[in-house]
Protein backbone atom coordinates (compact mmCIF):
# COMPACT_ATOMS: atom_id res chain seq x y z
CA UNK A 1 -24.52 25.29 -66.04
CA UNK A 2 -28.29 25.67 -65.69
CA UNK A 3 -29.42 28.30 -63.22
CA UNK A 4 -31.64 27.87 -60.15
CA UNK A 5 -33.45 30.55 -58.21
CA UNK A 6 -34.81 29.71 -54.76
CA UNK A 7 -37.41 32.02 -53.22
CA UNK A 8 -38.30 31.56 -49.58
CA UNK A 9 -37.82 32.06 -45.88
CA UNK A 10 -34.81 32.72 -43.67
CA UNK A 11 -35.04 31.91 -39.96
CA UNK A 12 -32.84 31.82 -36.91
CA UNK A 13 -33.45 28.40 -35.36
CA UNK A 14 -33.40 28.10 -31.56
CA UNK A 15 -33.03 24.35 -31.01
CA UNK A 16 -33.58 22.41 -27.78
CA UNK A 17 -32.68 18.69 -27.67
CA UNK A 18 -35.11 16.89 -25.32
CA UNK A 19 -35.69 13.32 -24.18
CA UNK A 20 -39.29 13.66 -25.33
CA UNK A 21 -41.51 16.36 -26.80
CA UNK A 22 -43.48 18.24 -24.11
CA UNK A 23 -47.18 17.59 -23.67
CA UNK A 24 -49.52 20.58 -23.11
CA UNK A 25 -48.62 22.14 -19.75
CA UNK A 26 -45.43 20.07 -19.38
CA UNK A 27 -41.95 21.48 -18.88
CA UNK A 28 -39.07 19.35 -20.17
CA UNK A 29 -35.45 20.19 -19.31
CA UNK A 30 -32.65 20.17 -21.86
CA UNK A 31 -28.88 20.33 -21.60
CA UNK A 32 -28.48 21.17 -25.29
CA UNK A 33 -29.37 24.57 -26.76
CA UNK A 34 -28.18 25.87 -30.13
CA UNK A 35 -28.82 28.93 -32.28
CA UNK A 36 -28.55 27.93 -35.96
CA UNK A 37 -29.41 29.17 -39.43
CA UNK A 38 -32.71 27.81 -40.76
CA UNK A 39 -35.87 28.58 -42.70
CA UNK A 40 -37.18 26.35 -45.48
CA UNK A 41 -36.03 28.65 -48.26
CA UNK A 42 -32.55 29.08 -46.79
CA UNK A 43 -32.21 25.37 -46.06
CA UNK A 44 -33.14 24.42 -49.61
CA UNK A 45 -30.88 27.08 -51.07
CA UNK A 46 -27.94 25.85 -48.97
CA UNK A 47 -28.63 22.23 -49.92
CA UNK A 48 -28.73 23.07 -53.63
CA UNK A 49 -25.54 25.11 -53.33
CA UNK A 50 -23.68 22.30 -51.57
CA UNK A 51 -24.82 19.93 -54.31
CA UNK A 52 -23.19 22.15 -56.91
CA UNK A 53 -26.10 24.23 -58.23
CA UNK A 54 -25.64 27.69 -59.75
CA UNK A 55 -28.07 29.42 -57.42
CA UNK A 56 -29.56 32.82 -56.60
CA UNK A 57 -31.60 33.25 -53.42
CA UNK A 58 -34.52 35.69 -53.14
CA UNK A 59 -35.42 36.35 -49.51
CA UNK A 60 -35.84 38.95 -46.76
CA UNK A 61 -33.83 39.15 -43.54
CA UNK A 62 -33.87 41.64 -40.70
CA UNK A 63 -31.53 44.56 -40.18
CA UNK A 64 -30.23 42.78 -37.06
CA UNK A 65 -26.75 41.36 -36.64
CA UNK A 66 -27.86 37.77 -37.26
CA UNK A 67 -29.41 38.84 -40.59
CA UNK A 68 -26.03 40.18 -41.74
CA UNK A 69 -24.30 37.01 -40.52
CA UNK A 70 -26.70 34.76 -42.41
CA UNK A 71 -26.28 36.68 -45.66
CA UNK A 72 -22.51 36.33 -45.29
CA UNK A 73 -22.91 32.58 -44.71
CA UNK A 74 -24.98 32.23 -47.90
CA UNK A 75 -22.35 34.10 -49.89
CA UNK A 76 -19.61 31.88 -48.43
CA UNK A 77 -21.56 28.84 -49.65
CA UNK A 78 -21.45 30.17 -53.21
CA UNK A 79 -25.01 31.55 -53.31
CA UNK A 80 -25.69 34.76 -55.23
CA UNK A 81 -27.17 36.97 -52.49
CA UNK A 82 -28.15 39.92 -54.72
CA UNK A 83 -31.80 38.88 -54.32
CA UNK A 84 -31.75 39.11 -50.51
CA UNK A 85 -33.24 42.28 -49.01
CA UNK A 86 -32.50 43.43 -45.48
CA UNK A 87 -35.65 45.00 -43.99
CA UNK A 88 -34.97 48.11 -41.90
CA UNK A 89 -36.49 47.96 -38.43
CA UNK A 90 -37.38 44.26 -38.69
CA UNK A 91 -35.92 41.17 -37.05
CA UNK A 92 -34.89 38.09 -38.98
CA UNK A 93 -37.49 35.30 -38.89
CA UNK A 94 -37.37 33.05 -35.84
CA UNK A 95 -38.13 29.37 -35.24
CA UNK A 96 -38.33 27.55 -31.89
CA UNK A 97 -37.55 23.86 -32.42
CA UNK A 98 -37.89 20.95 -29.99
CA UNK A 99 -36.16 17.71 -31.02
CA UNK A 100 -36.71 14.44 -29.13
CA UNK A 101 -34.39 11.46 -28.61
CA UNK A 102 -35.71 9.78 -31.78
CA UNK A 103 -35.05 12.80 -33.97
CA UNK A 104 -38.71 13.85 -34.23
CA UNK A 105 -39.46 17.53 -33.85
CA UNK A 106 -42.11 20.18 -33.37
CA UNK A 107 -41.59 23.76 -34.52
CA UNK A 108 -43.08 27.20 -33.89
CA UNK A 109 -42.31 30.05 -36.32
CA UNK A 110 -42.51 33.84 -36.21
CA UNK A 111 -42.25 35.28 -39.75
CA UNK A 112 -40.73 38.71 -38.93
CA UNK A 113 -38.80 39.86 -42.05
CA UNK A 114 -40.14 36.92 -44.06
CA UNK A 115 -43.54 38.64 -44.09
CA UNK A 116 -42.04 41.33 -46.37
CA UNK A 117 -41.39 38.88 -49.24
CA UNK A 118 -44.47 40.12 -51.11
CA UNK A 119 -45.12 40.72 -54.80
CA UNK A 120 -43.89 44.31 -54.46
CA UNK A 121 -40.59 43.10 -53.06
CA UNK A 122 -40.25 40.32 -55.63
CA UNK A 123 -41.04 42.70 -58.50
CA UNK A 124 -37.66 44.39 -58.00
CA UNK A 125 -35.92 41.01 -58.21
CA UNK A 126 -37.92 39.40 -61.02
CA UNK A 127 -34.95 39.26 -63.38
CA UNK A 128 -33.48 36.51 -61.18
CA UNK A 129 -36.60 34.43 -61.91
CA UNK A 130 -36.84 35.32 -65.59
CA UNK A 131 -33.23 34.30 -66.30
CA UNK A 132 -33.33 31.05 -64.30
CA UNK A 133 -33.97 27.57 -65.64
CA UNK A 134 -35.92 26.60 -62.50
CA UNK A 135 -37.62 28.34 -59.58
CA UNK A 136 -37.95 26.48 -56.26
CA UNK A 137 -40.70 27.69 -53.90
CA UNK A 138 -42.08 26.82 -50.44
CA UNK A 139 -44.82 28.25 -48.18
CA UNK A 140 -43.15 30.00 -45.22
CA UNK A 141 -43.52 33.40 -46.92
CA UNK A 142 -46.68 35.26 -48.05
CA UNK A 143 -48.62 33.15 -50.54
CA UNK A 144 -49.40 36.17 -52.72
CA UNK A 145 -45.66 36.56 -53.26
CA UNK A 146 -45.36 32.86 -54.10
CA UNK A 147 -48.17 33.21 -56.65
CA UNK A 148 -46.57 36.30 -58.18
CA UNK A 149 -43.18 34.57 -58.47
CA UNK A 150 -44.78 31.50 -60.06
CA UNK A 151 -46.53 33.71 -62.61
CA UNK A 152 -43.28 35.50 -63.49
CA UNK A 153 -41.62 32.11 -63.94
CA UNK A 154 -44.44 30.72 -66.05
CA UNK A 155 -44.46 33.78 -68.31
CA UNK A 156 -40.70 33.50 -68.88
CA UNK A 157 -40.48 29.72 -69.40
CA UNK A 158 -38.81 29.01 -66.06
CA UNK A 159 -39.75 25.62 -64.58
CA UNK A 160 -41.77 25.98 -61.36
CA UNK A 161 -41.06 23.53 -58.53
CA UNK A 162 -43.19 23.83 -55.39
CA UNK A 163 -42.49 22.18 -52.07
CA UNK A 164 -45.92 22.86 -50.45
CA UNK A 165 -44.65 23.08 -46.89
CA UNK A 166 -45.81 23.84 -44.29
CA UNK A 167 -49.09 22.13 -45.20
CA UNK A 168 -51.65 24.58 -46.49
CA UNK A 169 -54.63 24.79 -48.80
CA UNK A 170 -53.62 26.47 -52.05
CA UNK A 171 -55.61 28.13 -54.84
CA UNK A 172 -56.00 26.17 -58.06
CA UNK A 173 -54.56 29.02 -60.13
CA UNK A 174 -51.24 28.61 -58.27
CA UNK A 175 -51.21 24.84 -58.68
CA UNK A 176 -51.92 25.22 -62.40
CA UNK A 177 -48.59 27.07 -62.77
CA UNK A 178 -46.56 24.35 -61.03
CA UNK A 179 -44.54 21.89 -63.14
CA UNK A 180 -43.31 19.65 -60.28
CA UNK A 181 -44.76 19.47 -56.75
CA UNK A 182 -43.12 17.66 -53.83
CA UNK A 183 -45.51 17.23 -50.87
CA UNK A 184 -45.09 14.80 -48.00
CA UNK A 185 -48.05 12.62 -46.97
CA UNK A 186 -49.61 15.28 -44.73
CA UNK A 187 -49.25 18.01 -47.34
CA UNK A 188 -50.62 15.76 -50.08
CA UNK A 189 -53.72 15.06 -47.96
CA UNK A 190 -54.20 18.79 -47.31
CA UNK A 191 -54.09 19.53 -51.03
CA UNK A 192 -56.19 16.60 -52.25
CA UNK A 193 -58.37 15.40 -49.38
CA UNK A 194 -56.92 11.90 -49.82
CA UNK A 195 -55.17 10.32 -46.83
CA UNK A 196 -51.94 8.86 -48.19
CA UNK A 197 -51.22 5.53 -46.49
CA UNK A 198 -49.84 3.33 -49.28
CA UNK A 199 -48.94 3.28 -52.96
CA UNK A 200 -52.58 3.11 -54.09
CA UNK A 201 -53.63 6.20 -52.14
CA UNK A 202 -50.43 7.99 -53.18
CA UNK A 203 -51.37 7.34 -56.80
CA UNK A 204 -54.90 8.65 -56.16
CA UNK A 205 -53.52 11.85 -54.62
CA UNK A 206 -51.21 12.27 -57.60
CA UNK A 207 -54.15 11.94 -59.96
CA UNK A 208 -55.97 14.75 -58.16
CA UNK A 209 -52.91 16.99 -58.49
CA UNK A 210 -52.49 16.02 -62.15
CA UNK A 211 -56.09 17.11 -62.59
CA UNK A 212 -55.14 20.56 -61.29
CA UNK A 213 -52.58 20.90 -64.07
CA UNK A 214 -49.38 19.60 -62.44
CA UNK A 215 -47.50 17.25 -64.77
CA UNK A 216 -45.10 15.77 -62.21
CA UNK A 217 -45.92 14.85 -58.61
CA UNK A 218 -43.46 13.45 -56.09
CA UNK A 219 -44.86 12.46 -52.68
CA UNK A 220 -42.30 11.73 -49.98
CA UNK A 221 -43.34 8.74 -47.85
CA UNK A 222 -40.83 8.85 -45.02
CA UNK A 223 -39.11 5.52 -44.44
CA UNK A 224 -40.99 4.01 -47.42
CA UNK A 225 -39.23 6.28 -49.91
CA UNK A 226 -41.10 8.38 -52.45
CA UNK A 227 -43.91 7.93 -54.96
CA UNK A 228 -43.31 9.69 -58.28
CA UNK A 229 -45.98 10.15 -60.92
CA UNK A 230 -45.53 11.68 -64.36
CA UNK A 231 -48.86 12.34 -66.10
CA UNK A 232 -50.46 9.47 -64.19
CA UNK A 233 -47.68 6.89 -64.59
CA UNK A 234 -46.37 6.19 -61.09
CA UNK A 235 -43.44 4.42 -59.47
CA UNK A 236 -42.11 4.06 -55.92
CA UNK A 237 -38.44 4.64 -55.17
CA UNK A 238 -37.12 3.12 -51.96
CA UNK A 239 -34.87 5.16 -49.68
CA UNK A 240 -31.96 4.53 -47.33
CA UNK A 241 -32.16 3.23 -43.74
CA UNK A 242 -30.21 5.28 -41.19
CA UNK A 243 -30.50 6.10 -37.48
CA UNK A 244 -32.12 9.52 -37.21
CA UNK A 245 -30.73 12.13 -34.82
CA UNK A 246 -32.66 15.18 -36.08
CA UNK A 247 -35.15 15.25 -38.97
CA UNK A 248 -35.61 19.05 -38.98
CA UNK A 249 -34.10 19.69 -42.42
CA UNK A 250 -34.64 16.33 -44.11
CA UNK A 251 -37.34 17.54 -46.48
CA UNK A 252 -35.46 20.73 -47.31
CA UNK A 253 -32.25 18.84 -47.97
CA UNK A 254 -34.17 16.43 -50.21
CA UNK A 255 -35.73 19.24 -52.25
CA UNK A 256 -32.54 21.23 -52.70
CA UNK A 257 -30.56 18.16 -53.72
CA UNK A 258 -33.34 16.92 -56.03
CA UNK A 259 -33.50 20.16 -58.00
CA UNK A 260 -29.70 20.42 -58.16
CA UNK A 261 -29.54 16.93 -59.64
CA UNK A 262 -32.34 17.59 -62.14
CA UNK A 263 -30.59 20.74 -63.35
CA UNK A 264 -27.57 18.58 -64.16
CA UNK A 265 -29.88 16.61 -66.51
CA UNK A 266 -30.05 13.52 -64.32
CA UNK A 267 -32.98 11.18 -64.90
CA UNK A 268 -35.67 11.48 -62.25
CA UNK A 269 -34.81 8.05 -60.80
CA UNK A 270 -31.16 9.07 -60.35
CA UNK A 271 -32.11 12.51 -59.01
CA UNK A 272 -34.44 10.93 -56.43
CA UNK A 273 -31.76 8.48 -55.29
CA UNK A 274 -29.29 11.34 -54.96
CA UNK A 275 -31.78 13.45 -52.99
CA UNK A 276 -32.70 10.54 -50.73
CA UNK A 277 -29.03 9.97 -49.95
CA UNK A 278 -28.52 13.65 -49.10
CA UNK A 279 -31.59 13.63 -46.84
CA UNK A 280 -30.52 10.37 -45.17
CA UNK A 281 -27.14 11.86 -44.32
CA UNK A 282 -28.77 15.04 -43.01
CA UNK A 283 -30.91 13.25 -40.42
CA UNK A 284 -27.83 11.64 -38.85
CA UNK A 285 -26.73 15.13 -37.73
CA UNK A 286 -28.21 17.91 -35.62
CA UNK A 287 -29.47 21.23 -36.92
CA UNK A 288 -30.87 22.47 -40.20
CA UNK A 289 -28.22 23.97 -42.48
CA UNK A 290 -25.47 22.48 -40.31
CA UNK A 291 -26.80 18.99 -41.10
CA UNK A 292 -26.67 19.36 -44.89
CA UNK A 293 -23.86 17.21 -46.32
CA UNK A 294 -21.33 18.15 -48.98
CA UNK A 295 -21.61 16.79 -52.53
CA UNK A 296 -18.63 14.46 -52.04
CA UNK A 297 -20.25 12.93 -48.96
CA UNK A 298 -23.45 12.16 -50.86
CA UNK A 299 -21.56 10.56 -53.73
CA UNK A 300 -19.56 8.39 -51.30
CA UNK A 301 -22.72 7.41 -49.42
CA UNK A 302 -24.41 6.22 -52.62
CA UNK A 303 -21.32 4.24 -53.65
CA UNK A 304 -21.29 2.53 -50.23
CA UNK A 305 -24.95 1.55 -50.48
């Protein structure tokens, strides 16, 4: 089986379910409060693991009790946790998440231990990148560490997949090392300056990213599916219609499932359909990692649709 390494953040998610998201200065009451495992890196690692990937996770957690619990949960999911470092005297990363009645959310993050995932830290774990077939990255950890990891991967022939979230401007020398990039519409606009509103503008944004050296670009378009472009040849793949309860981990579930499917040598069209099904199932449930479906559920969902 091909090997995947995910490098990224680990957070403790404090989730409040609200009737509506608060406006500035407004207090909104909630009867639902949960403390859950989250973080974009951890979410994507868990999604890939549940989809059957052979996965190692490189991350930093705190020396607190929740950090130990999360590492144990990753190991229970079949993830190789040898790349996870527990930072003495630091807390595990924290996210405060508000979710409204339509499943929309707003999130505030405090990096904590995630801030220690620098090039120096990654240097001691580089063998997990060098021996992998693919490296999956996001942007909730220091960008200099992301750049270092991408360079290690590029030098060793490991495919570099970047989910550029949260939205951020990125240096061209990082983008030039990326083989596949998976922004949403907001992230694509941040990287290209092109507001993505339809297939034509999605194709234009892809062309800009191709010009920066990225061969494959996949822009997620929400309810409209995704736009995929390989060296300038683009196609839209439609998604699945479901009633959303919580969209917090939809993008992470999509990315983890997509890479897991690609590492099983699925065609991109099949991998996208598989990832869209996993993400669709995830939004019908609350939480981040708790919302990620099992492989059998995704297969059954596709067969039913």
